[in-house]
Protein backbone atom coordinates (compact mmCIF):
# COMPACT_ATOMS: atom_id res chain seq x y z
CA MET A 1 79.06 72.08 74.78
CA LYS A 2 80.97 69.17 73.17
CA SER A 3 83.91 69.41 75.62
CA LYS A 4 81.44 69.52 78.58
CA THR A 5 79.76 66.32 77.37
CA ILE A 6 83.12 64.58 76.85
CA ILE A 7 84.34 65.52 80.32
CA LEU A 8 81.08 64.37 82.00
CA LEU A 9 81.19 61.08 80.02
CA VAL A 10 84.77 60.36 81.11
CA LEU A 11 83.91 61.11 84.72
CA LEU A 12 80.92 58.81 84.56
CA ILE A 13 82.95 55.91 83.06
CA LEU A 14 85.70 56.30 85.62
CA THR A 15 83.23 56.53 88.52
CA THR A 16 81.64 53.28 87.34
CA SER A 17 85.01 51.55 87.04
CA ILE A 18 86.02 52.84 90.49
CA SER A 19 83.00 51.24 92.14
CA PHE A 20 83.69 47.95 90.37
CA SER A 21 87.41 48.00 91.15
CA GLN A 22 86.92 48.67 94.86
CA GLU A 23 85.48 45.20 95.37
CA GLN A 24 88.65 43.62 93.91
CA SER A 25 91.12 45.90 95.64
CA LYS A 26 93.28 44.96 98.63
CA ARG A 27 95.45 48.03 99.24
CA GLN A 28 93.73 51.39 99.73
CA ALA A 29 94.77 54.85 100.84
CA VAL A 30 93.23 58.19 101.70
CA TYR A 31 95.58 61.16 101.65
CA LEU A 32 96.06 64.87 101.38
CA GLU A 33 98.19 66.04 98.54
CA LEU A 34 99.91 69.43 98.38
CA GLY A 35 100.65 70.65 94.88
CA GLY A 36 100.37 67.88 92.35
CA SER A 37 97.36 67.46 90.05
CA GLY A 38 95.05 69.37 92.35
CA ILE A 39 97.31 72.44 91.79
CA ILE A 40 97.22 73.83 95.29
CA GLY A 41 96.01 70.72 97.12
CA SER A 42 93.49 67.87 97.09
CA VAL A 43 91.99 65.05 99.16
CA ASN A 44 92.37 61.70 97.41
CA TYR A 45 91.34 58.02 97.47
CA ASP A 46 93.75 55.51 95.94
CA PHE A 47 93.40 51.74 95.43
CA ARG A 48 95.19 48.84 93.72
CA PHE A 49 93.39 46.72 91.21
CA LYS A 50 94.95 43.53 92.63
CA PRO A 51 96.15 42.40 96.01
CA GLY A 52 99.56 43.66 97.18
CA ASN A 53 101.43 46.93 97.25
CA ASP A 54 102.54 46.81 93.58
CA GLY A 55 100.82 46.87 90.20
CA LEU A 56 98.21 49.05 88.65
CA GLY A 57 95.72 51.13 90.52
CA MET A 58 93.62 54.26 90.40
CA ARG A 59 93.18 57.44 92.33
CA THR A 60 90.44 60.02 92.35
CA GLY A 61 90.20 63.18 94.34
CA PHE A 62 88.73 66.57 95.06
CA GLY A 63 90.46 69.95 95.37
CA TYR A 64 89.40 73.52 95.74
CA LEU A 65 90.90 76.76 94.56
CA PRO A 66 89.18 80.13 94.94
CA ASP A 67 86.03 79.83 92.74
CA VAL A 68 87.26 76.55 91.16
CA LEU A 69 86.47 72.89 92.01
CA VAL A 70 89.21 70.46 90.85
CA PHE A 71 88.63 66.66 90.28
CA PRO A 72 91.84 64.77 89.56
CA ILE A 73 91.45 61.24 88.17
CA GLU A 74 94.52 59.11 87.60
CA LEU A 75 95.59 55.63 86.43
CA ASN A 76 98.78 54.79 88.30
CA GLY A 77 101.17 51.92 88.99
CA LEU A 78 103.75 50.90 91.57
CA ILE A 79 107.00 48.99 90.94
CA GLY A 80 108.34 47.36 94.08
CA LYS A 81 106.75 44.91 96.50
CA ASN A 82 108.31 46.40 99.67
CA LYS A 83 107.41 49.46 101.65
CA ILE A 84 109.16 51.83 99.18
CA ALA A 85 108.05 51.72 95.53
CA PHE A 86 108.49 53.71 92.35
CA GLU A 87 105.15 55.37 91.50
CA TYR A 88 104.09 56.38 87.97
CA GLY A 89 100.88 57.47 86.41
CA ALA A 90 98.89 59.80 84.15
CA GLY A 91 95.50 61.38 84.34
CA ILE A 92 93.21 64.33 83.96
CA SER A 93 92.11 67.05 86.33
CA ALA A 94 88.70 68.47 85.45
CA ALA A 95 87.94 71.98 86.71
CA VAL A 96 84.51 73.51 87.28
CA TYR A 97 84.51 77.28 87.63
CA LEU A 98 81.95 78.37 90.20
CA ASN A 99 81.96 81.96 88.98
CA ASN A 100 82.73 82.84 85.34
CA VAL A 101 86.15 84.15 86.30
CA SER A 102 89.19 84.10 84.03
CA ASN A 103 92.39 83.06 85.61
CA ASP A 104 95.88 82.06 84.55
CA LEU A 105 95.76 78.50 85.95
CA ALA A 106 96.61 75.63 83.68
CA PHE A 107 92.91 74.71 83.33
CA SER A 108 92.12 77.08 80.46
CA ASN A 109 90.55 75.52 77.40
CA GLY A 110 88.36 78.31 76.04
CA ASN A 111 85.23 77.25 77.93
CA GLU A 112 84.01 79.67 80.58
CA ASN A 113 82.68 77.03 83.05
CA LEU A 114 84.80 73.93 82.47
CA GLY A 115 88.44 73.24 81.97
CA CYS A 116 90.94 70.42 82.25
CA ILE A 117 94.62 69.64 82.41
CA LEU A 118 96.49 66.47 81.63
CA PHE A 119 99.23 65.37 83.99
CA ALA A 120 101.85 62.77 84.49
CA LYS A 121 103.47 61.41 87.67
CA ALA A 122 106.82 59.89 88.56
CA GLY A 123 108.14 59.54 92.15
CA ILE A 124 108.35 57.44 95.26
CA ARG A 125 105.60 56.02 97.49
CA ILE A 126 106.12 54.67 100.98
CA THR A 127 103.37 52.33 102.12
CA PRO A 128 103.15 50.34 105.37
CA LYS A 129 103.12 46.55 105.26
CA LYS A 130 99.76 46.45 107.01
CA ASN A 131 98.01 49.62 108.07
CA GLY A 132 99.48 53.04 108.79
CA LEU A 133 101.06 56.17 107.49
CA PHE A 134 101.20 56.68 103.69
CA PHE A 135 103.61 59.03 102.00
CA ASN A 136 104.47 59.98 98.40
CA PHE A 137 106.59 62.58 96.68
CA HIS A 138 106.45 62.97 92.92
CA TRP A 139 107.30 65.07 89.91
CA ASN A 140 103.94 66.06 88.36
CA PRO A 141 104.15 67.96 85.06
CA VAL A 142 100.82 69.45 83.88
CA VAL A 143 99.79 70.17 80.26
CA ASN A 144 96.90 71.96 78.64
CA SER A 145 96.25 73.46 75.20
CA GLU A 146 98.19 76.62 76.02
CA GLU A 147 101.18 75.57 78.07
CA THR A 148 103.24 72.82 79.84
CA ARG A 149 104.41 73.27 83.39
CA TRP A 150 107.38 70.94 83.72
CA ALA A 151 108.52 72.10 87.19
CA TRP A 152 105.50 70.93 89.14
CA PHE A 153 105.66 68.57 92.18
CA GLY A 154 103.31 66.92 94.62
CA LEU A 155 103.62 65.70 98.23
CA GLY A 156 101.03 63.33 99.72
CA ILE A 157 100.51 62.13 103.29
CA GLY A 158 97.67 60.02 104.68
CA TYR A 159 96.56 56.64 105.84
CA SER A 160 96.82 53.29 104.01
CA TRP A 161 95.19 49.97 104.83
CA LYS A 162 94.65 46.46 103.49
CA LYS A 163 91.08 45.47 102.71
CA LYS A 164 90.39 41.87 103.84
């Protein structure tokens, strides 16, 4: 019960900060990610905290595996003011099991209905100067209480725009 409360509290705090941060953000993106922190795949919304293509930002998403909903939340940053930037970040992917099924995914934490993994990110991001195609490729190691998967990668493609 304690882990369920902690996960829900973290999600509530991050959701509140997301709604506040969106008003200050200039660069935004919506994209599909294969692999990465959603394990098989996820749909994501990413934004910068300040104007421009560089600096700190945040991403939140939603993924689905058979009988498991996945919610990746990440604090990330970009180094590079041009179209191509180095992307780094870290976050947590919360998992909600729809049926009390046991599986060998990295979400295991001893709770039958909830789980989580921690993840890191390092890679490249290609963002248009104005609006257009967004692309990223990154190394995405995932960690939980039982294992670390070092050889994990993600590939994202979507649409990015500047908020006026």
